[in-house]
Amino acid sequence: MSTEATATPSSSLVPVFVRLKLTLLRNGLRQSPGRTAAYVVSAAAGLVFAAAAVLGLVALRGNPHAGTLAVVLIGMLTLGWAVMPLFFPTGDETLDPTRLVMLPLRPRPLIRALLVTSLVGVGPITTLALVTGAVIAVADGAAAALVGALAVVLVVLVCVALARAVATSSTRLLTSRRGRDLAVLGGLFIALGAQVVNIAAQQLGRPDGLSVLEPLGGVLRWVPPAAALGAVEDAGHGAYGRAAAGLALTVLALALILWWWQRTLTALMTSPDSSTLQAVEKDSARRTGGEELGLARLLPGGRTGTVMLRTLRYAWRDPKSKMSWAMALGIGLLLPIVYAAQGNGSIYSSFSASALLGMQMYNQFGQDTSAFWMVASTISTPRDAFEELRARALSLALVAVPYVTLVVVGSAAFIGPWSAFFQVYGLSLGLLGGLLATGAMASALFPYSIPSEGNKSVAPGQAGIAWISLFGGFLTAAVLTSPLLGLTIWLHVAGLQSLLWVLLPVGAVYGVGIATLGLRLAAPRVVARLPEILAAVSKG
C-alpha cells in the first residue's frame, strides 16, 4: 500500500512539471505584447539559425574535415549550455529549485521531472537540430547511423543536465547581489564570444581553413559529450572499439553530472542559506576581533588605505563600476589578439591596455553618486583633496601596472619583436601616468552622474559633459605623453637603437611625475568646486 502511494506521485511528477513550465511560459508571454513579440522573434531567429547550420553541416558530408568541425561544434554547444545559466539565471523560472523546497519531493523523482522539463523549449529543440545535423555530416553506414541515434540522445541529455546542475549549484550565488552583478557581465561575455567567433570565421574562411581545427578536434574527440560524436565517425570507419569507448565516456559523464546534480540539489534544499541566523552566526565566528582580512591588511594606513579599500570595493561590488572595469580589462587584452588573428598584429596594439584602464580614472566622483557628500565632508584643504585623489589613483595603479605589464609581455612574446619591448612598456607607463593626471583634472572640472538603475552610464542632459571629459582628457594625455614619443622617434632616427632600453625607466619616472603633478593641480580645484561636484553627481 505504501509502495503504491509513493510510486504514484513519482510517476505523475513529470507531466505536472511539464504543464507547470508551459503555464509559466504562457503566463509570461501574456504580460505584455512586447515580451511576446521578443520571444517569437528570438525563437524564430534561433530556429532559422539551427536550420541554416544543419544545412551547412549536411553540405559538408564527405568533407575530410567534417568530423573535426562537428566535434568542435558540439564542444562549443556544450560550453554554451554550461555558462548561460551563470549569466542569464532569470531566463527560466524553473531553474530555481528553492521554489520547491517546501514540497514533499524526493531528489530522484524531482531530478527526473526537471530533466524532462528541460527538454521543453526552443533551446533544446535547436540543440537537437544541431546535433542531428552533425551526426548526418559524419555518419557513414548502418552502424554509424545506429551509434548516431544514441549520440543525439546522449549529447542533448548531457547539455540540459549540465545546465541544470550548474544552475542548481549556483542558485544561491545567482539570487544574491553578487549573482546579479555576475549577470551584468553577460554583455562582456557575449562581446568576447563574438570576437572569438569573428576570429574563427576569418580563419575558417581561408582555403582549407578547416584544417586549423584538427589539433583542437583531436583533443575534443575524447571529451564528453563530443566523444559521442567522435564515436559516430569511428563506427563509420569500422573502429568499433573506439566508438564504444566514446559512447561509454559520454554515458559516464552523464552519470557523473546527474550524481553531482542530485548532491547539490539535496544540499540546497536541506541546508540553511546565508540569510538565516545559523549562517550569520557561523560567519561571525570566523571573524574574530573585527580585523580586516585579505588585501585590506596590505594597504597603507590612514586616509590613503581607507580610500583605496573603498575604491576597490566599489570596483568589485557596484554593478556599473564592475562592468566598466571588466570591459576595460577584457577589451584591453582582446584587441592585441584580434589584430594578430587578422594579420595586423603589432606589439604597439598593447597600448590599449594602458588607454582603457587609465580612463577608469575619469569621473571618479561620479562613481560615488549622491554619497559623495560623505567624501566632501572630509575635504577642507587642498592637502585633503590631494590625498583623496592620490589614493584613488593608487588603487587604479594597483591593478593597471601589473595588467599593463602582462599585456605588453604577452604581446612581445606572441607578436614580437622583443626588441620593441622596452620602448612600448615605457610608453605604456607614461601614457598611464598621463591618463591618471588628466583623469583627476577631468573629475574635478567635468563631473557627471552615473544612474544606479538602468543601462545608461550618464544621467540625462550630461552626455556632452561626459564626451568632453573623456575625449578631451584623452587627447590631453596624448599631448602630455608626446615628450616620450619624441624621445623614441629621435633615438630611432639617430640610429641609437642600443639606447632604447632607457625608455623603460624614463617612461616609468615620467609617468609617476606627470600623474603626481596632475593630482596636485586638480586638488585645489576639487576643494573650490565641492558644491558643484556634489550637485553634478547627484542627478542620477
Protein backbone atom coordinates (compact mmCIF):
# COMPACT_ATOMS: atom_id res chain seq x y z
CA MET A 1 0.00 0.00 0.00
CA SER A 2 2.73 2.43 0.96
CA THR A 3 4.75 1.44 -2.11
CA GLU A 4 1.86 2.28 -4.44
CA ALA A 5 1.30 5.56 -2.61
CA THR A 6 4.87 6.64 -3.12
CA ALA A 7 5.09 5.39 -6.69
CA THR A 8 2.04 7.24 -7.94
CA PRO A 9 3.25 10.75 -7.10
CA SER A 10 6.68 10.00 -8.58
CA SER A 11 5.22 8.75 -11.86
CA SER A 12 2.83 11.70 -12.13
CA LEU A 13 5.51 14.28 -11.31
CA VAL A 14 6.84 14.56 -14.88
CA PRO A 15 3.58 15.65 -16.58
CA VAL A 16 2.88 18.04 -13.69
CA PHE A 17 6.23 19.76 -14.14
CA VAL A 18 5.84 19.90 -17.92
CA ARG A 19 2.41 21.53 -17.53
CA LEU A 20 3.90 23.88 -14.94
CA LYS A 21 6.62 25.05 -17.34
CA LEU A 22 4.15 25.53 -20.17
CA THR A 23 1.87 27.51 -17.84
CA LEU A 24 4.76 29.72 -16.69
CA LEU A 25 5.72 30.32 -20.30
CA ARG A 26 2.16 31.13 -21.35
CA ASN A 27 1.55 33.47 -18.41
CA GLY A 28 4.88 35.20 -19.00
CA LEU A 29 4.00 35.89 -22.62
CA ARG A 30 0.64 37.32 -21.59
CA GLN A 31 2.27 40.04 -19.51
CA SER A 32 2.91 42.35 -22.45
CA PRO A 33 2.77 42.30 -26.26
CA GLY A 34 6.40 43.40 -26.35
CA ARG A 35 7.52 40.36 -24.41
CA THR A 36 5.50 38.10 -26.68
CA ALA A 37 7.00 39.70 -29.78
CA ALA A 38 10.52 39.41 -28.39
CA TYR A 39 10.01 35.73 -27.59
CA VAL A 40 8.56 34.96 -31.03
CA VAL A 41 11.35 36.83 -32.82
CA SER A 42 14.08 35.19 -30.75
CA ALA A 43 12.54 31.75 -31.22
CA ALA A 44 12.22 32.26 -34.95
CA ALA A 45 15.80 33.51 -35.19
CA GLY A 46 17.04 30.51 -33.23
CA LEU A 47 15.19 28.06 -35.42
CA VAL A 48 16.36 29.77 -38.62
CA PHE A 49 19.94 29.67 -37.37
CA ALA A 50 19.57 25.99 -36.49
CA ALA A 51 18.12 25.20 -39.90
CA ALA A 52 20.94 27.05 -41.67
CA ALA A 53 23.54 25.28 -39.54
CA VAL A 54 22.00 21.88 -40.24
CA LEU A 55 22.00 22.54 -43.99
CA GLY A 56 25.63 23.64 -43.79
CA LEU A 57 26.62 20.52 -41.87
CA VAL A 58 24.78 18.27 -44.29
CA ALA A 59 26.52 20.03 -47.18
CA LEU A 60 29.88 19.16 -45.59
CA ARG A 61 29.10 15.46 -45.71
CA GLY A 62 32.06 13.73 -47.32
CA ASN A 63 34.50 16.53 -46.46
CA PRO A 64 37.63 15.10 -44.76
CA HIS A 65 37.38 17.74 -42.01
CA ALA A 66 33.63 17.41 -41.40
CA GLY A 67 34.14 15.21 -38.35
CA THR A 68 36.52 17.69 -36.75
CA LEU A 69 34.15 20.61 -37.35
CA ALA A 70 31.23 18.64 -35.91
CA VAL A 71 33.18 17.71 -32.79
CA VAL A 72 34.27 21.34 -32.23
CA LEU A 73 30.68 22.50 -32.75
CA ILE A 74 29.39 20.10 -30.10
CA GLY A 75 32.13 21.24 -27.72
CA MET A 76 31.14 24.90 -28.17
CA LEU A 77 27.47 24.00 -27.79
CA THR A 78 28.15 22.22 -24.51
CA LEU A 79 30.18 25.16 -23.22
CA GLY A 80 27.31 27.48 -24.04
CA TRP A 81 24.85 25.34 -22.10
CA ALA A 82 27.23 25.28 -19.13
CA VAL A 83 27.82 29.03 -18.86
CA MET A 84 24.48 30.50 -19.90
CA PRO A 85 22.78 29.82 -16.53
CA LEU A 86 25.54 31.88 -14.85
CA PHE A 87 24.89 34.99 -16.93
CA PHE A 88 21.17 34.66 -17.61
CA PRO A 89 19.73 33.00 -14.50
CA THR A 90 16.27 34.55 -14.95
CA GLY A 91 15.68 33.06 -18.40
CA ASP A 92 13.78 30.08 -16.97
CA GLU A 93 11.95 30.40 -13.65
CA THR A 94 12.09 26.63 -13.14
CA LEU A 95 15.89 26.83 -12.84
CA ASP A 96 15.49 27.86 -9.21
CA PRO A 97 14.75 24.69 -7.24
CA THR A 98 14.41 26.63 -3.97
CA ARG A 99 10.87 27.47 -5.10
CA LEU A 100 10.06 23.79 -4.46
CA VAL A 101 11.79 23.47 -1.10
CA MET A 102 8.56 23.31 0.89
CA LEU A 103 7.08 20.50 -1.21
CA PRO A 104 7.47 16.83 -0.09
CA LEU A 105 9.56 15.75 -3.08
CA ARG A 106 12.34 13.18 -3.20
CA PRO A 107 15.57 14.09 -5.08
CA ARG A 108 15.47 11.37 -7.76
CA PRO A 109 11.85 11.88 -8.91
CA LEU A 110 12.44 15.62 -8.81
CA ILE A 111 15.56 15.33 -10.98
CA ARG A 112 13.68 13.14 -13.47
CA ALA A 113 10.90 15.68 -13.73
CA LEU A 114 13.25 18.65 -14.03
CA LEU A 115 15.33 16.85 -16.66
CA VAL A 116 12.29 16.14 -18.82
CA THR A 117 11.07 19.70 -18.28
CA SER A 118 14.42 20.99 -19.51
CA LEU A 119 13.76 19.35 -22.88
CA VAL A 120 10.78 21.66 -23.43
CA GLY A 121 11.74 24.88 -25.13
CA VAL A 122 13.43 26.48 -28.11
CA GLY A 123 16.94 25.86 -26.76
CA PRO A 124 16.66 22.07 -26.57
CA ILE A 125 14.97 21.93 -29.99
CA THR A 126 17.77 23.99 -31.51
CA THR A 127 20.36 21.78 -29.83
CA LEU A 128 18.60 18.66 -31.10
CA ALA A 129 18.65 20.03 -34.64
CA LEU A 130 22.36 20.96 -34.49
CA VAL A 131 23.38 17.59 -33.06
CA THR A 132 21.29 15.77 -35.65
CA GLY A 133 22.91 17.76 -38.44
CA ALA A 134 26.37 16.99 -37.02
CA VAL A 135 25.56 13.27 -36.92
CA ILE A 136 24.30 13.32 -40.52
CA ALA A 137 27.53 15.05 -41.58
CA VAL A 138 29.75 12.28 -40.19
CA ALA A 139 27.61 9.11 -40.21
CA ASP A 140 28.59 6.57 -42.85
CA GLY A 141 26.80 3.23 -42.86
CA ALA A 142 24.18 1.45 -40.77
CA ALA A 143 26.42 1.03 -37.73
CA ALA A 144 27.27 4.73 -37.70
CA ALA A 145 23.57 5.61 -38.03
CA LEU A 146 22.73 3.42 -35.03
CA VAL A 147 25.53 4.95 -32.96
CA GLY A 148 24.42 8.37 -34.19
CA ALA A 149 20.92 7.89 -32.85
CA LEU A 150 22.36 7.09 -29.41
CA ALA A 151 24.79 10.00 -29.69
CA VAL A 152 21.98 12.51 -30.37
CA VAL A 153 20.12 11.43 -27.24
CA LEU A 154 23.25 11.42 -25.07
CA VAL A 155 24.52 14.82 -26.22
CA VAL A 156 21.17 16.53 -25.67
CA LEU A 157 20.77 14.93 -22.22
CA VAL A 158 24.32 15.91 -21.20
CA CYS A 159 23.76 19.52 -22.30
CA VAL A 160 20.47 20.03 -20.45
CA ALA A 161 21.63 18.11 -17.37
CA LEU A 162 24.85 20.13 -17.22
CA ALA A 163 22.92 23.38 -17.44
CA ARG A 164 20.60 22.24 -14.64
CA ALA A 165 23.46 21.08 -12.44
CA VAL A 166 25.36 24.34 -12.89
CA ALA A 167 22.23 26.38 -12.19
CA THR A 168 21.43 24.34 -9.08
CA SER A 169 24.94 24.57 -7.65
CA SER A 170 24.95 28.34 -8.29
CA THR A 171 21.38 29.13 -7.23
CA ARG A 172 22.31 30.98 -4.06
CA LEU A 173 25.02 32.91 -5.84
CA LEU A 174 22.74 33.83 -8.74
CA THR A 175 19.94 35.03 -6.47
CA SER A 176 22.32 37.17 -4.39
CA ARG A 177 23.74 40.61 -5.07
CA ARG A 178 26.94 39.09 -6.40
CA GLY A 179 24.93 36.90 -8.73
CA ARG A 180 23.12 39.93 -10.13
CA ASP A 181 26.49 41.58 -10.63
CA LEU A 182 27.65 38.48 -12.47
CA ALA A 183 24.64 38.69 -14.74
CA VAL A 184 25.68 42.25 -15.63
CA LEU A 185 28.87 40.77 -17.06
CA GLY A 186 26.83 38.75 -19.53
CA GLY A 187 27.24 41.57 -22.04
CA LEU A 188 31.01 41.33 -21.77
CA PHE A 189 30.85 37.56 -22.19
CA ILE A 190 28.81 37.95 -25.35
CA ALA A 191 31.16 40.64 -26.70
CA LEU A 192 34.23 38.49 -26.11
CA GLY A 193 32.49 35.45 -27.56
CA ALA A 194 31.51 37.44 -30.65
CA GLN A 195 35.14 38.43 -31.18
CA VAL A 196 36.25 34.82 -30.84
CA VAL A 197 33.63 33.75 -33.37
CA ASN A 198 34.74 36.56 -35.69
CA ILE A 199 38.37 35.44 -35.48
CA ALA A 200 37.42 31.81 -36.03
CA ALA A 201 35.24 32.70 -39.02
CA GLN A 202 38.10 34.59 -40.64
CA GLN A 203 40.45 31.68 -40.13
CA LEU A 204 37.94 29.12 -41.42
CA GLY A 205 37.14 31.27 -44.44
CA ARG A 206 40.62 30.78 -45.83
CA PRO A 207 41.42 27.99 -48.32
CA ASP A 208 41.45 24.70 -46.44
CA GLY A 209 40.69 26.67 -43.30
CA LEU A 210 39.04 23.69 -41.61
CA SER A 211 42.45 22.09 -41.23
CA VAL A 212 43.31 24.55 -38.44
CA LEU A 213 40.69 22.81 -36.27
CA GLU A 214 42.37 19.43 -36.41
CA PRO A 215 44.51 19.84 -33.23
CA LEU A 216 41.51 21.09 -31.24
CA GLY A 217 39.26 18.40 -32.69
CA GLY A 218 41.76 15.71 -31.76
CA VAL A 219 41.51 16.76 -28.13
CA LEU A 220 37.73 17.30 -28.02
CA ARG A 221 37.15 13.91 -29.65
CA TRP A 222 37.78 12.35 -26.23
CA VAL A 223 35.95 14.98 -24.16
CA PRO A 224 32.26 14.18 -23.45
CA PRO A 225 29.78 14.77 -24.94
CA ALA A 226 31.77 15.49 -28.13
CA ALA A 227 33.21 11.99 -27.66
CA ALA A 228 29.79 10.60 -28.65
CA LEU A 229 30.01 12.36 -31.99
CA GLY A 230 33.53 11.07 -32.47
CA ALA A 231 32.12 7.61 -31.85
CA VAL A 232 29.78 8.06 -34.82
CA GLU A 233 32.69 8.74 -37.16
CA ASP A 234 34.69 5.86 -35.67
CA ALA A 235 31.78 3.47 -36.21
CA GLY A 236 31.58 4.54 -39.84
CA HIS A 237 35.27 3.66 -40.26
CA GLY A 238 34.86 0.28 -38.59
CA ALA A 239 36.68 1.25 -35.36
CA TYR A 240 34.01 -0.22 -33.11
CA GLY A 241 36.24 -0.32 -30.05
CA ARG A 242 36.91 3.43 -30.26
CA ALA A 243 33.22 4.03 -30.89
CA ALA A 244 32.25 2.05 -27.81
CA ALA A 245 34.81 3.97 -25.76
CA GLY A 246 33.42 7.31 -26.94
CA LEU A 247 29.86 6.32 -26.04
CA ALA A 248 31.00 4.94 -22.69
CA LEU A 249 32.76 8.21 -21.84
CA THR A 250 29.61 10.18 -22.62
CA VAL A 251 27.42 7.83 -20.57
CA LEU A 252 29.89 8.12 -17.68
CA ALA A 253 29.85 11.92 -17.95
CA LEU A 254 26.04 11.94 -17.90
CA ALA A 255 26.01 9.71 -14.82
CA LEU A 256 28.52 11.95 -13.01
CA ILE A 257 26.57 15.10 -13.88
CA LEU A 258 23.32 13.56 -12.61
CA TRP A 259 25.10 12.44 -9.41
CA TRP A 260 26.53 15.93 -8.89
CA TRP A 261 23.14 17.46 -9.61
CA GLN A 262 21.44 15.21 -7.05
CA ARG A 263 24.02 16.00 -4.35
CA THR A 264 23.83 19.77 -4.88
CA LEU A 265 20.04 19.67 -5.08
CA THR A 266 19.82 17.74 -1.81
CA ALA A 267 22.26 20.09 -0.09
CA LEU A 268 20.47 23.15 -1.43
CA MET A 269 17.04 22.06 -0.27
CA THR A 270 18.08 20.80 3.18
CA SER A 271 20.72 23.31 4.39
CA PRO A 272 20.18 26.91 5.56
CA ASP A 273 21.21 29.78 3.33
CA SER A 274 23.20 32.89 4.26
CA SER A 275 20.07 34.79 5.29
CA THR A 276 19.42 32.54 8.29
CA LEU A 277 20.61 33.07 11.81
CA GLN A 278 22.79 29.95 11.77
CA ALA A 279 24.75 31.14 8.75
CA VAL A 280 25.15 34.61 10.21
CA GLU A 281 26.46 33.21 13.48
CA LYS A 282 28.84 30.90 11.63
CA ASP A 283 30.16 33.81 9.58
CA SER A 284 30.56 35.94 12.70
CA ALA A 285 32.55 33.20 14.40
CA ARG A 286 35.09 33.26 11.58
CA ARG A 287 35.72 36.97 12.06
CA THR A 288 37.42 37.49 15.40
CA GLY A 289 38.02 40.95 16.75
CA GLY A 290 36.73 42.69 13.61
CA GLU A 291 40.13 42.56 11.98
CA GLU A 292 40.46 43.34 8.30
CA LEU A 293 41.25 40.35 6.13
CA GLY A 294 42.95 39.78 2.79
CA LEU A 295 44.05 42.78 0.76
CA ALA A 296 43.00 45.28 3.44
CA ARG A 297 45.89 44.22 5.67
CA LEU A 298 48.39 45.06 2.91
CA LEU A 299 47.14 48.60 2.25
CA PRO A 300 48.80 51.61 3.92
CA GLY A 301 47.26 53.16 6.99
CA GLY A 302 45.43 56.42 7.33
CA ARG A 303 43.26 58.07 4.74
CA THR A 304 45.17 56.57 1.81
CA GLY A 305 44.48 52.97 2.78
CA THR A 306 40.85 53.68 3.64
CA VAL A 307 40.14 55.38 0.31
CA MET A 308 41.98 52.67 -1.62
CA LEU A 309 39.93 49.96 0.07
CA ARG A 310 36.69 51.83 -0.59
CA THR A 311 37.58 52.34 -4.27
CA LEU A 312 38.48 48.69 -4.77
CA ARG A 313 35.27 47.60 -3.06
CA TYR A 314 33.27 49.88 -5.37
CA ALA A 315 35.00 48.31 -8.35
CA TRP A 316 34.15 44.83 -7.07
CA ARG A 317 30.64 45.37 -5.73
CA ASP A 318 28.99 48.16 -7.70
CA PRO A 319 27.50 46.70 -10.91
CA LYS A 320 28.24 49.73 -13.09
CA SER A 321 31.83 50.04 -11.82
CA LYS A 322 32.37 46.31 -12.17
CA MET A 323 31.10 46.38 -15.74
CA SER A 324 33.37 49.28 -16.62
CA TRP A 325 36.42 47.56 -15.15
CA ALA A 326 35.57 44.24 -16.77
CA MET A 327 35.14 45.86 -20.20
CA ALA A 328 38.48 47.66 -19.86
CA LEU A 329 40.30 44.51 -18.77
CA GLY A 330 38.65 42.27 -21.34
CA ILE A 331 38.91 44.54 -24.37
CA GLY A 332 42.43 45.70 -23.49
CA LEU A 333 43.58 42.09 -23.61
CA LEU A 334 41.41 41.12 -26.56
CA LEU A 335 42.43 43.83 -29.03
CA PRO A 336 46.04 42.62 -29.50
CA ILE A 337 44.72 39.10 -30.03
CA VAL A 338 42.14 40.26 -32.60
CA TYR A 339 44.70 42.29 -34.52
CA ALA A 340 47.14 39.37 -34.51
CA ALA A 341 44.45 36.96 -35.74
CA GLN A 342 43.54 39.35 -38.55
CA GLY A 343 47.15 39.51 -39.69
CA ASN A 344 47.66 43.08 -38.44
CA GLY A 345 49.37 42.14 -35.19
CA SER A 346 51.74 44.63 -33.63
CA ILE A 347 53.24 44.99 -30.19
CA TYR A 348 52.05 48.62 -30.27
CA SER A 349 48.44 47.39 -30.01
CA SER A 350 49.18 46.69 -26.34
CA PHE A 351 48.75 50.45 -25.75
CA SER A 352 45.04 49.61 -25.49
CA ALA A 353 45.65 48.19 -22.01
CA SER A 354 47.03 51.49 -20.69
CA ALA A 355 44.43 53.56 -22.53
CA LEU A 356 41.35 51.67 -21.36
CA LEU A 357 42.44 51.19 -17.76
CA GLY A 358 43.78 54.74 -17.43
CA MET A 359 40.38 56.08 -18.47
CA GLN A 360 38.89 54.47 -15.36
CA MET A 361 40.36 57.47 -13.51
CA TYR A 362 37.86 59.78 -15.20
CA ASN A 363 34.73 60.85 -13.34
CA GLN A 364 35.95 59.41 -10.05
CA PHE A 365 33.37 61.31 -8.00
CA GLY A 366 30.53 60.31 -10.32
CA GLN A 367 31.03 56.74 -9.14
CA ASP A 368 30.11 57.88 -5.61
CA THR A 369 26.75 59.34 -6.80
CA SER A 370 24.90 61.24 -4.08
CA ALA A 371 27.04 59.57 -1.39
CA PHE A 372 29.81 61.97 -2.43
CA TRP A 373 28.60 64.29 0.33
CA MET A 374 30.34 61.99 2.83
CA VAL A 375 33.59 62.35 0.91
CA ALA A 376 33.09 66.11 0.57
CA SER A 377 32.64 66.45 4.33
CA THR A 378 36.17 65.11 4.85
CA ILE A 379 37.82 67.55 2.39
CA SER A 380 38.61 71.04 3.67
CA THR A 381 42.09 71.74 2.28
CA PRO A 382 43.95 71.05 -0.95
CA ARG A 383 46.03 68.54 1.02
CA ASP A 384 42.89 66.54 1.85
CA ALA A 385 41.82 66.61 -1.79
CA PHE A 386 45.29 65.55 -2.95
CA GLU A 387 45.30 62.56 -0.57
CA GLU A 388 41.81 61.57 -1.76
CA LEU A 389 42.80 61.72 -5.43
CA ARG A 390 46.17 60.06 -4.80
CA ALA A 391 44.55 57.12 -3.03
CA ARG A 392 42.09 56.65 -5.90
CA ALA A 393 44.94 56.78 -8.42
CA LEU A 394 46.98 54.28 -6.37
CA SER A 395 44.07 51.83 -6.24
CA LEU A 396 43.79 52.02 -10.02
CA ALA A 397 47.55 51.67 -10.47
CA LEU A 398 47.50 48.63 -8.18
CA VAL A 399 45.57 46.82 -10.92
CA ALA A 400 46.74 48.70 -14.00
CA VAL A 401 50.51 48.34 -13.66
CA PRO A 402 50.57 44.51 -13.36
CA TYR A 403 47.91 44.27 -16.07
CA VAL A 404 49.79 46.51 -18.50
CA THR A 405 52.95 44.52 -17.76
CA LEU A 406 51.15 41.28 -18.58
CA VAL A 407 49.70 42.58 -21.85
CA VAL A 408 52.98 44.09 -23.07
CA VAL A 409 54.98 40.98 -22.17
CA GLY A 410 52.38 38.77 -23.85
CA SER A 411 52.37 40.94 -26.98
CA ALA A 412 56.17 40.87 -27.16
CA ALA A 413 56.21 37.08 -26.71
CA PHE A 414 53.45 36.15 -29.15
CA ILE A 415 53.52 39.03 -31.64
CA GLY A 416 57.00 40.50 -31.22
CA PRO A 417 59.56 41.73 -31.64
CA TRP A 418 61.22 41.59 -28.23
CA SER A 419 63.49 44.44 -29.32
CA ALA A 420 60.49 46.81 -29.04
CA PHE A 421 59.54 45.68 -25.54
CA PHE A 422 61.36 48.38 -23.56
CA GLN A 423 60.07 51.29 -25.63
CA VAL A 424 56.49 50.01 -25.70
CA TYR A 425 56.49 49.28 -21.98
CA GLY A 426 57.96 52.69 -21.17
CA LEU A 427 55.47 54.49 -23.40
CA SER A 428 52.60 52.48 -21.87
CA LEU A 429 53.60 53.54 -18.35
CA GLY A 430 53.95 57.13 -19.49
CA LEU A 431 50.51 57.06 -21.12
CA LEU A 432 49.02 55.56 -17.97
CA GLY A 433 50.53 58.38 -15.89
CA GLY A 434 49.17 60.99 -18.30
CA LEU A 435 45.68 59.49 -18.09
CA LEU A 436 45.80 59.47 -14.30
CA ALA A 437 46.75 63.15 -14.37
CA THR A 438 44.07 64.24 -16.83
CA GLY A 439 41.53 61.92 -15.21
CA ALA A 440 41.98 63.67 -11.87
CA MET A 441 41.58 67.07 -13.53
CA ALA A 442 38.54 65.95 -15.51
CA SER A 443 36.96 64.54 -12.34
CA ALA A 444 37.20 68.00 -10.79
CA LEU A 445 36.14 70.06 -13.81
CA PHE A 446 33.66 67.80 -15.65
CA PRO A 447 31.89 65.53 -13.14
CA TYR A 448 28.67 63.79 -14.17
CA SER A 449 26.23 61.37 -12.59
CA ILE A 450 26.05 57.64 -13.27
CA PRO A 451 22.46 56.35 -12.83
CA SER A 452 22.27 53.42 -10.46
CA GLU A 453 19.33 51.90 -12.33
CA GLY A 454 19.00 51.05 -15.99
CA ASN A 455 21.63 50.57 -18.66
CA LYS A 456 22.65 54.20 -19.14
CA SER A 457 26.06 55.28 -17.86
CA VAL A 458 25.31 59.02 -18.00
CA ALA A 459 22.39 60.91 -16.48
CA PRO A 460 20.06 62.69 -18.94
CA GLY A 461 21.43 66.07 -20.01
CA GLN A 462 25.04 65.27 -19.10
CA ALA A 463 26.14 63.36 -22.20
CA GLY A 464 28.02 66.39 -23.54
CA ILE A 465 29.95 66.72 -20.28
CA ALA A 466 30.90 63.04 -20.43
CA TRP A 467 32.18 63.33 -24.02
CA ILE A 468 34.24 66.43 -23.19
CA SER A 469 35.66 64.73 -20.12
CA LEU A 470 36.68 61.51 -21.84
CA PHE A 471 37.83 62.64 -25.26
CA GLY A 472 39.26 65.97 -24.17
CA GLY A 473 41.14 64.30 -21.35
CA PHE A 474 42.43 61.52 -23.57
CA LEU A 475 43.73 63.97 -26.18
CA THR A 476 45.41 65.99 -23.42
CA ALA A 477 47.01 62.82 -22.05
CA ALA A 478 48.32 62.04 -25.54
CA VAL A 479 49.86 65.53 -25.70
CA LEU A 480 51.42 65.04 -22.25
CA THR A 481 52.97 61.79 -23.46
CA SER A 482 54.42 63.43 -26.59
CA PRO A 483 57.85 64.13 -24.99
CA LEU A 484 58.32 60.38 -24.52
CA LEU A 485 57.16 59.75 -28.06
CA GLY A 486 59.54 62.42 -29.34
CA LEU A 487 62.44 60.81 -27.48
CA THR A 488 61.55 57.43 -29.01
CA ILE A 489 61.45 58.86 -32.54
CA TRP A 490 64.77 60.69 -32.01
CA LEU A 491 66.50 57.51 -30.83
CA HIS A 492 65.29 55.68 -33.94
CA VAL A 493 66.22 58.47 -36.35
CA ALA A 494 69.64 58.93 -34.76
CA GLY A 495 70.36 55.22 -35.08
CA LEU A 496 70.69 54.76 -31.31
CA GLN A 497 68.63 51.58 -31.07
CA SER A 498 71.05 50.27 -28.44
CA LEU A 499 69.78 53.00 -26.07
CA LEU A 500 66.07 52.25 -26.49
CA TRP A 501 66.12 50.40 -23.15
CA VAL A 502 66.34 53.78 -21.36
CA LEU A 503 62.73 54.42 -22.38
CA LEU A 504 61.55 51.95 -19.76
CA PRO A 505 62.96 53.74 -16.66
CA VAL A 506 62.36 57.14 -18.23
CA GLY A 507 58.75 56.23 -19.02
CA ALA A 508 58.15 54.91 -15.51
CA VAL A 509 59.61 58.02 -13.85
CA TYR A 510 57.82 60.32 -16.28
CA GLY A 511 54.51 58.57 -15.69
CA VAL A 512 54.80 58.88 -11.92
CA GLY A 513 55.89 62.51 -12.20
CA ILE A 514 53.15 63.62 -14.58
CA ALA A 515 50.50 61.78 -12.56
CA THR A 516 51.66 63.45 -9.32
CA LEU A 517 51.68 66.86 -10.98
CA GLY A 518 48.18 66.33 -12.32
CA LEU A 519 46.89 65.30 -8.90
CA ARG A 520 48.43 68.38 -7.27
CA LEU A 521 46.92 70.70 -9.89
CA ALA A 522 43.49 69.07 -9.56
CA ALA A 523 43.40 69.13 -5.73
CA PRO A 524 42.67 72.89 -5.24
CA ARG A 525 40.02 72.76 -7.96
CA VAL A 526 38.28 69.93 -6.12
CA VAL A 527 38.19 71.99 -2.93
CA ALA A 528 36.83 75.03 -4.76
CA ARG A 529 34.14 73.08 -6.61
CA LEU A 530 32.82 70.69 -3.93
CA PRO A 531 29.20 72.00 -4.11
CA GLU A 532 29.19 71.89 -7.92
CA ILE A 533 30.63 68.38 -7.96
CA LEU A 534 28.04 67.15 -5.44
CA ALA A 535 25.19 68.66 -7.48
CA ALA A 536 26.52 67.16 -10.72
CA VAL A 537 27.00 63.61 -9.43
CA SER A 538 23.64 63.53 -7.60
CA LYS A 539 21.42 63.94 -10.67
CA GLY A 540 21.22 60.21 -11.34
